[in-house]
Protein backbone atom coordinates (compact mmCIF):
# COMPACT_ATOMS: atom_id res chain seq x y z
CA MET A 1 0.00 0.00 0.00
CA GLY A 2 1.32 3.45 -0.91
CA PRO A 3 2.06 6.12 1.71
CA GLU A 4 -0.98 8.29 0.92
CA ALA A 5 -3.43 5.36 0.97
CA LEU A 6 -1.93 4.03 4.20
CA ALA A 7 -2.26 7.39 5.92
CA GLN A 8 -5.90 7.60 4.84
CA VAL A 9 -6.96 4.20 6.17
CA LEU A 10 -5.12 4.65 9.47
CA ARG A 11 -6.31 8.18 10.20
CA PRO A 12 -9.60 7.17 11.94
CA LEU A 13 -7.69 4.91 14.37
CA ALA A 14 -5.29 7.52 15.72
CA GLY A 15 -7.42 8.63 18.67
CA MET A 16 -8.80 5.24 19.67
CA VAL A 17 -6.70 4.77 22.81
CA PRO A 18 -8.39 3.83 26.12
CA PRO A 19 -8.07 6.72 28.58
CA GLU A 20 -6.22 4.57 31.10
CA ARG A 21 -3.48 3.86 28.52
CA ARG A 22 -2.94 7.32 27.07
CA ALA A 23 -0.43 8.61 29.60
CA ASP A 24 1.97 5.72 29.08
CA LEU A 25 1.58 5.32 25.32
CA ILE A 26 4.72 7.18 24.28
CA VAL A 27 4.38 6.35 20.58
CA GLY A 28 1.16 5.24 18.87
CA LEU A 29 -0.62 5.82 15.59
CA SER A 30 -0.81 9.56 16.18
CA GLU A 31 2.99 9.80 16.29
CA GLY A 32 3.50 7.52 13.27
CA ASP A 33 6.95 6.29 14.27
CA ASP A 34 8.75 3.02 13.41
CA ALA A 35 7.20 1.08 16.29
CA ALA A 36 4.70 1.47 19.12
CA VAL A 37 6.24 2.37 22.49
CA TYR A 38 4.56 1.87 25.86
CA ARG A 39 6.08 2.93 29.20
CA LEU A 40 5.95 0.19 31.85
CA ASN A 41 7.76 2.16 34.55
CA GLU A 42 10.41 4.85 34.94
CA THR A 43 13.20 2.66 33.54
CA THR A 44 11.53 0.36 31.02
CA ALA A 45 9.49 0.92 27.90
CA LEU A 46 8.10 -1.81 25.65
CA ILE A 47 8.65 -1.44 21.90
CA PHE A 48 6.33 -3.43 19.65
CA THR A 49 6.35 -3.86 15.88
CA ALA A 50 5.30 -6.27 13.13
CA ASP A 51 6.40 -6.79 9.54
CA PHE A 52 6.10 -9.47 6.86
CA PHE A 53 6.40 -9.71 3.09
CA THR A 54 6.64 -12.02 0.10
CA PRO A 55 9.98 -13.71 -0.78
CA VAL A 56 12.71 -11.42 -2.07
CA VAL A 57 15.17 -14.27 -2.77
CA ASP A 58 14.78 -17.89 -3.91
CA ASP A 59 16.55 -19.69 -1.04
CA PRO A 60 14.01 -20.28 1.78
CA TYR A 61 16.52 -20.17 4.65
CA THR A 62 17.95 -16.88 3.38
CA PHE A 63 14.45 -15.47 2.96
CA GLY A 64 13.75 -16.32 6.59
CA GLN A 65 16.93 -14.55 7.68
CA ILE A 66 16.14 -11.42 5.69
CA ALA A 67 12.53 -11.27 6.88
CA ALA A 68 13.68 -11.59 10.50
CA ALA A 69 16.35 -8.90 10.13
CA ASN A 70 13.78 -6.60 8.56
CA SER A 71 11.29 -7.26 11.38
CA LEU A 72 13.89 -6.61 14.08
CA SER A 73 14.97 -3.40 12.37
CA ASP A 74 12.11 -1.27 13.72
CA ILE A 75 13.12 -2.19 17.27
CA TYR A 76 16.67 -1.02 16.60
CA ALA A 77 15.43 2.09 14.80
CA THR A 78 13.58 3.01 17.99
CA GLY A 79 16.63 2.46 20.22
CA GLY A 80 15.61 -0.87 21.73
CA GLU A 81 16.86 -4.41 22.18
CA PRO A 82 14.60 -7.15 20.73
CA ILE A 83 13.72 -9.82 23.28
CA LEU A 84 10.74 -11.81 21.95
CA ALA A 85 9.22 -12.54 18.55
CA LEU A 86 6.25 -14.39 17.06
CA ASN A 87 6.28 -15.69 13.49
CA LEU A 88 3.71 -14.28 11.05
CA ALA A 89 3.38 -16.56 8.04
CA ALA A 90 1.18 -17.48 5.09
CA PHE A 91 1.84 -20.43 2.77
CA PRO A 92 0.07 -22.26 -0.07
CA ALA A 93 -1.55 -25.51 1.03
CA ASP A 94 0.65 -27.54 -1.33
CA MET A 95 3.96 -25.86 -0.48
CA ASP A 96 6.78 -28.26 0.38
CA LYS A 97 6.97 -28.59 4.16
CA GLU A 98 10.77 -28.70 4.11
CA LEU A 99 10.83 -25.29 2.41
CA ILE A 100 8.53 -23.89 5.09
CA SER A 101 10.73 -25.38 7.78
CA GLN A 102 13.80 -23.71 6.26
CA ILE A 103 12.08 -20.30 6.25
CA PHE A 104 11.20 -20.65 9.93
CA LEU A 105 14.70 -21.91 10.76
CA GLY A 106 16.42 -19.02 9.00
CA GLY A 107 14.26 -16.52 10.84
CA ALA A 108 14.70 -18.16 14.25
CA GLU A 109 18.47 -18.46 13.96
CA LEU A 110 18.86 -14.86 12.83
CA ALA A 111 16.65 -13.68 15.71
CA ALA A 112 18.62 -15.83 18.16
CA SER A 113 21.86 -14.19 17.00
CA ALA A 114 20.29 -10.90 18.13
CA GLY A 115 19.36 -12.31 21.54
CA CYS A 116 15.69 -12.48 20.57
CA ALA A 117 13.63 -15.60 21.33
CA VAL A 118 11.10 -16.83 18.77
CA ALA A 119 8.30 -18.26 20.92
CA GLY A 120 5.50 -19.18 18.52
CA GLY A 121 3.37 -17.36 15.99
CA HIS A 122 0.46 -17.71 13.58
CA THR A 123 0.21 -19.27 10.12
CA ILE A 124 -2.56 -19.13 7.53
CA LEU A 125 -3.10 -20.51 4.03
CA ASP A 126 -2.54 -18.14 1.13
CA LYS A 127 -1.73 -18.40 -2.56
CA GLU A 128 1.61 -16.61 -2.16
CA PRO A 129 4.16 -17.25 0.62
CA LYS A 130 4.62 -14.49 3.16
CA PHE A 131 6.81 -14.39 6.26
CA GLY A 132 7.84 -11.98 8.96
CA MET A 133 7.60 -11.42 12.69
CA ALA A 134 5.88 -9.47 15.42
CA VAL A 135 8.71 -8.36 17.70
CA LEU A 136 8.81 -7.05 21.25
CA GLY A 137 11.76 -5.01 22.49
CA ILE A 138 12.74 -2.98 25.53
CA ALA A 139 14.45 0.37 26.04
CA HIS A 140 14.82 3.10 28.61
CA PRO A 141 12.04 5.66 28.09
CA ASP A 142 14.60 8.46 28.11
CA ARG A 143 16.89 6.79 25.54
CA LEU A 144 14.55 6.20 22.62
CA LEU A 145 15.35 6.94 19.00
CA LEU A 146 12.32 8.59 17.40
CA LYS A 147 11.70 10.48 14.18
CA LYS A 148 11.15 13.78 15.95
CA GLY A 149 13.90 15.78 17.62
CA ALA A 150 16.33 16.60 14.81
CA GLN A 151 17.69 20.13 14.93
CA ALA A 152 19.12 22.49 12.32
CA GLY A 153 22.84 21.80 12.09
CA ASP A 154 22.56 18.09 12.89
CA VAL A 155 24.52 15.78 10.59
CA LEU A 156 22.74 13.00 8.68
CA ILE A 157 24.37 9.56 8.76
CA LEU A 158 23.12 6.60 6.72
CA THR A 159 24.46 3.20 7.79
CA LYS A 160 23.90 0.98 4.71
CA ALA A 161 24.21 1.31 0.95
CA LEU A 162 21.04 1.66 -1.11
CA GLY A 163 19.70 -0.58 -3.86
CA THR A 164 18.25 -3.77 -2.34
CA GLY A 165 14.78 -3.22 -3.80
CA ILE A 166 16.05 -2.62 -7.32
CA ILE A 167 18.46 -5.59 -7.25
CA THR A 168 15.96 -8.09 -5.85
CA THR A 169 13.43 -6.98 -8.47
CA ALA A 170 16.01 -7.71 -11.16
CA ALA A 171 16.76 -11.05 -9.53
CA LYS A 172 13.10 -12.08 -9.79
CA ALA A 173 13.36 -11.40 -13.52
CA GLN A 174 16.56 -13.50 -13.61
CA ASN A 175 18.42 -10.55 -15.03
CA VAL A 176 21.06 -9.90 -12.38
CA GLU A 177 24.70 -10.79 -11.86
CA SER A 178 25.36 -13.23 -9.02
CA ALA A 179 27.74 -10.81 -7.30
CA TRP A 180 25.05 -8.14 -7.24
CA ILE A 181 22.42 -10.29 -5.55
CA ASP A 182 25.02 -11.71 -3.15
CA GLY A 183 25.92 -8.17 -2.08
CA ALA A 184 22.26 -7.26 -1.61
CA ILE A 185 21.65 -10.40 0.47
CA ASP A 186 24.61 -9.65 2.73
CA SER A 187 23.25 -6.15 3.30
CA MET A 188 19.69 -7.32 3.98
CA LYS A 189 20.80 -9.95 6.51
CA LYS A 190 22.94 -7.49 8.47
CA LEU A 191 21.30 -6.42 11.71
CA ASN A 192 20.99 -2.74 12.63
CA LYS A 193 22.12 -3.46 16.19
CA ASP A 194 25.58 -1.92 15.81
CA ALA A 195 24.09 1.10 14.06
CA MET A 196 21.61 1.62 16.89
CA GLN A 197 24.29 1.36 19.56
CA ALA A 198 26.52 3.84 17.73
CA PHE A 199 23.62 6.28 17.34
CA LEU A 200 22.75 6.07 21.03
CA ALA A 201 26.40 6.62 22.01
CA ALA A 202 26.49 9.66 19.72
CA LYS A 203 23.32 11.05 21.32
CA ALA A 204 21.37 10.93 18.05
CA ARG A 205 18.42 13.31 18.20
CA ALA A 206 16.28 11.46 15.63
CA ALA A 207 16.44 8.21 13.66
CA THR A 208 14.50 5.87 11.41
CA ASP A 209 15.20 2.85 9.23
CA ILE A 210 15.07 2.93 5.45
CA THR A 211 12.51 0.43 4.16
CA GLY A 212 9.43 0.47 1.93
CA PHE A 213 8.97 4.24 1.60
CA SER A 214 12.55 4.69 0.32
CA LEU A 215 15.33 6.99 1.46
CA ILE A 216 13.26 9.99 0.39
CA GLY A 217 10.06 8.95 2.15
CA HIS A 218 11.67 8.02 5.45
CA ALA A 219 13.98 11.04 5.46
CA LEU A 220 10.94 13.26 4.93
CA GLU A 221 9.35 11.68 8.00
CA ILE A 222 12.27 12.88 10.12
CA ALA A 223 12.09 16.30 8.48
CA GLU A 224 8.33 16.68 8.99
CA LYS A 225 8.25 15.49 12.58
CA SER A 226 11.30 17.57 13.51
CA LYS A 227 10.16 20.65 11.55
CA VAL A 228 13.41 21.00 9.61
CA ASP A 229 14.53 20.83 5.99
CA LEU A 230 17.17 18.33 4.88
CA GLU A 231 20.13 18.77 2.55
CA ILE A 232 21.66 15.61 1.05
CA ASN A 233 24.89 15.39 -0.92
CA VAL A 234 24.44 13.23 -4.04
CA GLU A 235 28.09 12.21 -4.09
CA ALA A 236 28.03 11.04 -0.46
CA LEU A 237 25.40 8.32 -0.97
CA ASN A 238 26.58 4.71 -1.23
CA PHE A 239 24.85 2.31 -3.64
CA LEU A 240 25.19 -1.45 -3.81
CA PRO A 241 27.16 -2.83 -6.78
CA GLY A 242 24.79 -3.38 -9.68
CA ALA A 243 22.09 -0.98 -8.50
CA PHE A 244 22.47 1.49 -11.38
CA GLU A 245 22.82 -1.35 -13.88
CA CYS A 246 19.52 -2.89 -12.71
CA VAL A 247 17.78 0.46 -13.19
CA ALA A 248 19.22 0.63 -16.70
CA ARG A 249 17.79 -2.84 -17.34
CA LYS A 250 14.34 -1.46 -16.46
CA HIS A 251 13.82 -3.52 -13.29
CA VAL A 252 11.99 -1.00 -11.11
CA PRO A 253 9.63 -2.14 -8.32
CA GLY A 254 6.11 -0.71 -8.33
CA GLY A 255 6.76 0.84 -4.94
CA ALA A 256 9.31 3.19 -6.50
CA VAL A 257 6.63 4.63 -8.76
CA ARG A 258 4.21 5.12 -5.85
CA ASN A 259 6.90 6.67 -3.67
CA ARG A 260 7.97 9.06 -6.41
CA LYS A 261 4.40 10.20 -7.00
CA ALA A 262 3.88 10.80 -3.28
CA PHE A 263 7.17 12.46 -2.36
CA GLU A 264 8.75 14.11 -5.41
CA PRO A 265 6.86 17.42 -4.97
CA ARG A 266 8.83 17.87 -1.72
CA VAL A 267 12.24 17.22 -3.28
CA ARG A 268 14.58 19.67 -5.01
CA PHE A 269 17.25 18.19 -7.31
CA LYS A 270 20.30 20.04 -8.62
CA GLY A 271 23.98 19.53 -9.27
CA TRP A 272 23.65 16.62 -11.72
CA SER A 273 26.38 14.97 -13.77
CA ALA A 274 25.51 12.60 -16.65
CA GLU A 275 21.87 12.53 -17.75
CA THR A 276 21.63 8.74 -17.52
CA LYS A 277 22.92 8.77 -13.97
CA GLN A 278 20.40 11.45 -13.08
CA GLU A 279 17.44 9.22 -13.86
CA GLY A 280 19.05 6.18 -12.24
CA PHE A 281 19.70 8.20 -9.12
CA ARG A 282 16.15 9.52 -8.99
CA THR A 283 14.81 5.99 -9.27
CA LEU A 284 17.08 4.60 -6.56
CA VAL A 285 16.34 7.24 -3.94
CA PHE A 286 12.59 6.62 -4.40
CA ALA A 287 12.89 2.81 -4.51
CA PRO A 288 11.77 0.65 -1.58
CA GLU A 289 14.53 -0.95 0.47
CA THR A 290 14.33 -4.28 2.29
CA SER A 291 16.07 -4.37 5.68
CA GLY A 292 17.81 -1.09 4.91
CA GLY A 293 20.10 0.86 7.19
CA LEU A 294 19.38 3.47 9.83
CA LEU A 295 19.27 7.18 9.07
CA GLY A 296 20.19 9.34 12.04
CA ALA A 297 20.39 13.04 12.88
CA ILE A 298 23.59 13.35 14.93
CA PRO A 299 24.82 16.42 16.82
CA PRO A 300 27.65 17.83 14.68
CA GLU A 301 30.26 17.53 17.43
CA ASN A 302 29.62 13.76 17.61
CA ALA A 303 29.24 12.94 13.92
CA GLU A 304 32.82 12.01 12.98
CA THR A 305 33.26 9.79 16.03
CA CYS A 306 29.94 8.10 15.27
CA LEU A 307 30.95 7.51 11.65
CA ALA A 308 34.30 6.04 12.70
CA THR A 309 32.56 3.68 15.12
CA LEU A 310 30.15 2.50 12.45
CA ARG A 311 32.92 1.81 9.97
CA GLU A 312 34.98 -0.01 12.59
CA ARG A 313 32.00 -2.34 13.00
CA GLY A 314 31.99 -3.12 9.30
CA LEU A 315 29.09 -0.91 8.21
CA GLU A 316 29.14 0.98 4.91
CA ALA A 317 28.09 4.15 6.69
CA ALA A 318 28.40 7.68 5.34
CA ILE A 319 27.70 11.27 6.31
CA ILE A 320 25.16 12.16 3.63
CA GLY A 321 23.97 15.63 4.58
CA ARG A 322 22.62 17.86 7.28
CA CYS A 323 19.48 19.35 8.77
CA LEU A 324 18.55 22.94 7.92
CA PRO A 325 16.09 25.41 9.42
CA LEU A 326 12.57 25.00 8.05
CA GLY A 327 12.31 27.32 5.09
CA GLY A 328 8.59 27.17 4.40
CA SER A 329 5.31 25.77 5.58
CA ALA A 330 6.32 22.18 4.80
CA SER A 331 9.63 20.33 5.04
CA ILE A 332 11.59 19.64 1.87
CA ILE A 333 14.73 17.74 0.87
CA ARG A 334 17.40 19.43 -1.26
CA PHE A 335 19.86 17.24 -3.16
CA LEU A 336 23.16 18.94 -3.96
């Protein structure tokens, strides 16, 4: 579902919170963050999220790993540690049981590597396989990472390269080099735990993960909720090997078209090089990502140390821009 349609169907639910829960519901539908957050006491908040999707790779075990990493990502994006998960799955009635078992195993082992227990779940019959998890995490209520809070002057750090959505779309069409899909798989399986810890240590003022609404869509969420504009340096962005080539081969997911329609009026592009790269770039920054990295607004005095920490932990992180004072009635993104 596209961003505009999703906002429309969810709007009537925003105020439907029992009075006795309102004071401790730190993040709900009204806030529209990466996960729901509920305060249990002065030192502990529960973080709750759910995500599932259709296969993005052929190997069932790898699909399970990627789906689990993607599901855990919203916990990390909110500054929490995942502790408990339930499988959410749909499979055709005639699907090979060994394939199903491998999907569950990949998800459970990936979650276990994050210290998160998979304790059950729910499965239904459907024509197309789907898998993901509902995940519960914990955090200190005063050490959350939310989309609001960025300030003018903050430095934007992105912790993974872009291009997973484009490359997996090309892979489904069997028009992708093996090295390209291998690189995308490695990126999608990588947990955002190290990124979250580095952001917390750097006192990040806002953060989100880059998934279905693309770099543009999720960056705009930070901008809107923080009431700032964003400036992003084209040359600073990292893209997975093969990403531009897959765009050139016309393998563009439908979500990229929906995202572009929804968000492009709020984006200003300038400073281009070759015309072909311009269009490839525009497509990639609007394309959905699967299990993408974290985007954080870091106080400028902490940005270089944060970046060094991320790179020491093996992340392809980069300083991609900065936050600017709000220049109009609505937040925008400027690409330089």
